[in-house]
Amino acid sequence: MESLSRRELLGGMSLLGATVHGSGTFAQLSDTEVKVVTAKAYPFETLHLTENEYQQLPFTPAFVGQGRIGGQGSGVTEHRIGRTVNDPHQRVNKDWKNGETRHFTLTYTPSANQVVYKNENVPDLTYQPTTAGPYRDLIIRVVGAATGRIRVESLSLNGVPIAESFDVSNGVAVLRVTGISTQQGFSLVGKATMQWTGNVPNQNNQLYQLWVGRVS
């Protein structure tokens, strides 16, 4: 299982010596402060999955946010939130322009039992999960069309960078982020870029999905 190192997450900070590289300054942390920093900076692990491994995963979804490239026809919508993408609670249409980059956010607030999916220049979509927690796993699934390319990058969870990024064409890439704690809620942020040659790829041929739930 691949994981982010403490050094990567803290920008070069050594927890034992508390040396902050690049600033020319040094700070000594107490044992309590080290524990707090570690808890905040190293809360999850990441694992790459094949599409087949993803399909076989004993995963119970609580909710998903989706953004896809665009499409034609009555009722076609590109942004969705709900327990599944096929039967979303809310949806809205906003096609991508070729080469356009948009920022997105998926936020869960336990006290309100509410999920909010945001995509740049798109009305906020909300959902109240009906699947009981705890939710321990986030699965990011990215699909690139044969004539297209999708990049998903600059990802962070609760302000902690996720080292992995996606650059997918004619295939699927899946990342499982595990060991997350949703008791205090979470916020996933990132940005997505859609590109293609020739005709616009159709709907599900190019997308990203942000699944939250638990693997049994």
Protein backbone atom coordinates (compact mmCIF):
# COMPACT_ATOMS: atom_id res chain seq x y z
CA MET A 1 0.00 0.00 0.00
CA GLU A 2 1.45 3.36 -1.00
CA SER A 3 1.29 6.13 1.59
CA LEU A 4 2.35 9.74 1.93
CA SER A 5 5.38 10.28 4.12
CA ARG A 6 5.27 12.69 7.04
CA ARG A 7 8.16 14.57 5.47
CA GLU A 8 6.24 15.07 2.21
CA LEU A 9 3.11 16.22 4.03
CA LEU A 10 4.88 18.63 6.35
CA GLY A 11 7.04 20.20 3.66
CA GLY A 12 10.30 18.77 4.96
CA MET A 13 9.59 19.04 8.70
CA SER A 14 11.37 16.47 10.83
CA LEU A 15 9.01 15.48 13.64
CA LEU A 16 11.82 14.38 15.93
CA GLY A 17 14.02 17.42 15.51
CA ALA A 18 11.24 19.73 14.30
CA THR A 19 13.57 21.28 11.74
CA VAL A 20 11.78 23.37 9.14
CA HIS A 21 13.89 23.25 5.98
CA GLY A 22 14.06 26.18 3.62
CA SER A 23 12.98 28.81 6.13
CA GLY A 24 16.30 29.15 7.96
CA THR A 25 14.47 28.81 11.29
CA PHE A 26 14.14 25.99 13.79
CA ALA A 27 11.41 25.13 16.25
CA GLN A 28 11.30 22.49 18.95
CA LEU A 29 7.92 20.78 19.40
CA SER A 30 6.73 19.17 22.59
CA ASP A 31 5.60 15.54 22.58
CA THR A 32 1.98 16.71 22.67
CA GLU A 33 2.51 19.05 19.73
CA VAL A 34 4.21 16.30 17.73
CA LYS A 35 1.22 14.00 18.30
CA VAL A 36 -1.19 16.73 17.18
CA VAL A 37 0.82 17.51 14.05
CA THR A 38 1.11 13.81 13.21
CA ALA A 39 -2.62 13.25 13.65
CA LYS A 40 -3.46 16.13 11.36
CA ALA A 41 -0.78 15.53 8.75
CA TYR A 42 -0.81 11.77 8.36
CA PRO A 43 -4.45 10.68 8.55
CA PHE A 44 -4.76 8.37 5.56
CA GLU A 45 -3.07 6.00 3.13
CA THR A 46 -3.49 5.61 -0.62
CA LEU A 47 -3.67 2.55 -2.85
CA HIS A 48 -3.87 2.32 -6.64
CA LEU A 49 -6.47 -0.12 -7.97
CA THR A 50 -7.12 -1.62 -11.38
CA GLU A 51 -10.65 -1.29 -12.73
CA ASN A 52 -11.20 -5.01 -12.05
CA GLU A 53 -9.98 -4.66 -8.46
CA TYR A 54 -12.31 -1.70 -8.03
CA GLN A 55 -15.28 -3.64 -9.37
CA GLN A 56 -14.52 -6.55 -7.00
CA LEU A 57 -13.99 -4.35 -3.95
CA PRO A 58 -16.48 -5.07 -1.10
CA PHE A 59 -17.38 -1.40 -0.95
CA THR A 60 -20.57 0.01 0.58
CA PRO A 61 -21.12 3.49 -0.87
CA ALA A 62 -22.69 6.27 1.18
CA PHE A 63 -22.55 8.97 -1.50
CA VAL A 64 -20.83 10.02 -4.70
CA GLY A 65 -20.13 13.26 -6.53
CA GLN A 66 -19.60 13.10 -10.28
CA GLY A 67 -18.45 15.41 -13.02
CA ARG A 68 -18.41 14.29 -16.66
CA ILE A 69 -17.48 15.83 -19.96
CA GLY A 70 -20.78 16.66 -21.65
CA GLY A 71 -23.53 15.14 -23.67
CA GLN A 72 -26.51 15.70 -25.88
CA GLY A 73 -30.15 14.82 -25.46
CA SER A 74 -33.05 15.49 -23.15
CA GLY A 75 -32.31 14.96 -19.47
CA VAL A 76 -28.53 14.62 -19.90
CA THR A 77 -26.79 16.15 -16.88
CA GLU A 78 -23.09 16.31 -16.16
CA HIS A 79 -22.83 16.94 -12.41
CA ARG A 80 -24.50 14.67 -9.86
CA ILE A 81 -24.67 13.96 -6.14
CA GLY A 82 -26.42 11.11 -4.34
CA ARG A 83 -25.99 7.53 -3.20
CA THR A 84 -25.42 6.43 -6.81
CA VAL A 85 -24.73 8.25 -10.07
CA ASN A 86 -27.54 6.43 -11.86
CA ASP A 87 -30.16 7.62 -9.37
CA PRO A 88 -28.77 10.93 -8.07
CA HIS A 89 -30.45 13.11 -5.50
CA GLN A 90 -29.56 16.29 -7.40
CA ARG A 91 -28.11 16.97 -10.83
CA VAL A 92 -27.26 19.91 -13.07
CA ASN A 93 -25.87 20.36 -16.57
CA LYS A 94 -22.65 22.21 -17.31
CA ASP A 95 -20.60 20.92 -20.24
CA TRP A 96 -16.84 21.41 -20.35
CA LYS A 97 -15.14 23.46 -23.02
CA ASN A 98 -12.15 21.81 -24.69
CA GLY A 99 -9.09 22.38 -22.49
CA GLU A 100 -11.10 23.97 -19.68
CA THR A 101 -9.96 23.52 -16.07
CA ARG A 102 -12.39 23.73 -13.17
CA HIS A 103 -11.94 23.46 -9.42
CA PHE A 104 -14.22 21.18 -7.44
CA THR A 105 -14.98 20.45 -3.78
CA LEU A 106 -16.73 17.60 -1.98
CA THR A 107 -17.55 18.42 1.65
CA TYR A 108 -19.27 16.34 4.34
CA THR A 109 -20.65 17.94 7.53
CA PRO A 110 -21.69 15.27 10.09
CA SER A 111 -23.62 17.66 12.35
CA ALA A 112 -25.98 18.45 9.48
CA ASN A 113 -25.56 15.03 7.82
CA GLN A 114 -25.03 16.91 4.58
CA VAL A 115 -22.75 16.49 1.58
CA VAL A 116 -22.08 19.42 -0.74
CA TYR A 117 -20.53 18.99 -4.20
CA LYS A 118 -19.22 22.14 -5.84
CA ASN A 119 -17.88 22.57 -9.36
CA GLU A 120 -16.74 25.92 -10.70
CA ASN A 121 -19.63 27.95 -12.18
CA VAL A 122 -22.12 25.21 -11.32
CA PRO A 123 -24.86 25.53 -8.64
CA ASP A 124 -24.03 23.64 -5.44
CA LEU A 125 -25.48 20.14 -5.20
CA THR A 126 -26.43 18.73 -1.77
CA TYR A 127 -27.37 15.34 -0.33
CA GLN A 128 -28.12 13.88 3.09
CA PRO A 129 -26.72 10.31 3.25
CA THR A 130 -29.03 7.53 4.40
CA THR A 131 -26.26 4.93 4.75
CA ALA A 132 -24.99 4.82 8.32
CA GLY A 133 -21.34 5.56 9.02
CA PRO A 134 -18.57 5.41 9.80
CA TYR A 135 -17.22 6.22 6.36
CA ARG A 136 -13.57 5.19 6.16
CA ASP A 137 -12.82 5.11 2.44
CA LEU A 138 -12.72 7.60 -0.41
CA ILE A 139 -12.43 6.21 -3.93
CA ILE A 140 -11.48 8.50 -6.80
CA ARG A 141 -12.28 6.98 -10.18
CA VAL A 142 -11.24 8.73 -13.40
CA VAL A 143 -12.23 7.66 -16.93
CA GLY A 144 -10.57 9.02 -20.07
CA ALA A 145 -12.04 8.62 -23.56
CA ALA A 146 -10.18 7.14 -26.54
CA THR A 147 -10.12 10.55 -28.23
CA GLY A 148 -9.91 12.52 -25.00
CA ARG A 149 -7.80 13.24 -21.97
CA ILE A 150 -8.75 14.10 -18.39
CA ARG A 151 -6.44 15.43 -15.71
CA VAL A 152 -7.43 15.47 -12.04
CA GLU A 153 -4.83 17.09 -9.84
CA SER A 154 -4.01 19.42 -6.92
CA LEU A 155 -5.95 17.09 -4.64
CA SER A 156 -6.05 17.58 -0.89
CA LEU A 157 -8.12 16.17 1.96
CA ASN A 158 -8.73 18.45 4.93
CA GLY A 159 -5.84 20.56 3.73
CA VAL A 160 -3.43 17.61 3.53
CA PRO A 161 -2.10 17.08 0.00
CA ILE A 162 -2.80 13.80 -1.78
CA ALA A 163 0.41 13.13 -3.68
CA GLU A 164 -1.23 11.25 -6.54
CA SER A 165 -2.74 12.93 -9.60
CA PHE A 166 -4.48 11.56 -12.70
CA ASP A 167 -3.75 11.98 -16.40
CA VAL A 168 -5.98 9.49 -18.23
CA SER A 169 -6.66 8.85 -21.90
CA ASN A 170 -8.38 5.75 -23.29
CA GLY A 171 -8.57 4.05 -19.91
CA VAL A 172 -9.53 4.10 -16.25
CA ALA A 173 -7.53 4.99 -13.14
CA VAL A 174 -8.70 4.35 -9.57
CA LEU A 175 -7.25 5.53 -6.26
CA ARG A 176 -8.47 4.33 -2.86
CA VAL A 177 -7.84 6.70 0.04
CA THR A 178 -8.32 4.68 3.22
CA GLY A 179 -8.15 5.27 6.94
CA ILE A 180 -9.96 8.59 6.72
CA SER A 181 -12.01 9.78 9.69
CA THR A 182 -15.32 11.50 8.99
CA GLN A 183 -16.38 12.06 12.60
CA GLN A 184 -15.35 15.69 12.30
CA GLY A 185 -16.28 15.91 8.63
CA PHE A 186 -13.99 16.36 5.65
CA SER A 187 -13.37 18.47 2.60
CA LEU A 188 -11.80 17.13 -0.60
CA VAL A 189 -10.63 19.72 -3.11
CA GLY A 190 -9.00 19.41 -6.53
CA LYS A 191 -9.19 20.53 -10.11
CA ALA A 192 -10.12 18.76 -13.34
CA THR A 193 -9.24 19.49 -16.97
CA MET A 194 -11.10 18.01 -19.95
CA GLN A 195 -9.57 17.79 -23.44
CA TRP A 196 -10.41 15.96 -26.65
CA THR A 197 -9.77 15.78 -30.38
CA GLY A 198 -12.51 15.59 -33.00
CA ASN A 199 -16.04 15.13 -31.69
CA VAL A 200 -16.80 15.59 -28.01
CA PRO A 201 -16.59 12.23 -26.18
CA ASN A 202 -20.00 11.08 -25.09
CA GLN A 203 -21.07 11.39 -21.44
CA ASN A 204 -19.69 8.46 -19.42
CA ASN A 205 -16.67 8.05 -21.69
CA GLN A 206 -14.87 10.82 -19.78
CA LEU A 207 -15.57 11.60 -16.13
CA TYR A 208 -14.43 11.65 -12.52
CA GLN A 209 -16.30 10.08 -9.61
CA LEU A 210 -15.72 10.79 -5.92
CA TRP A 211 -17.10 7.86 -3.88
CA VAL A 212 -17.28 7.85 -0.07
CA GLY A 213 -18.22 4.84 2.06
CA ARG A 214 -16.44 1.89 3.61
CA VAL A 215 -14.72 -1.29 2.49
CA SER A 216 -15.73 -4.30 4.58
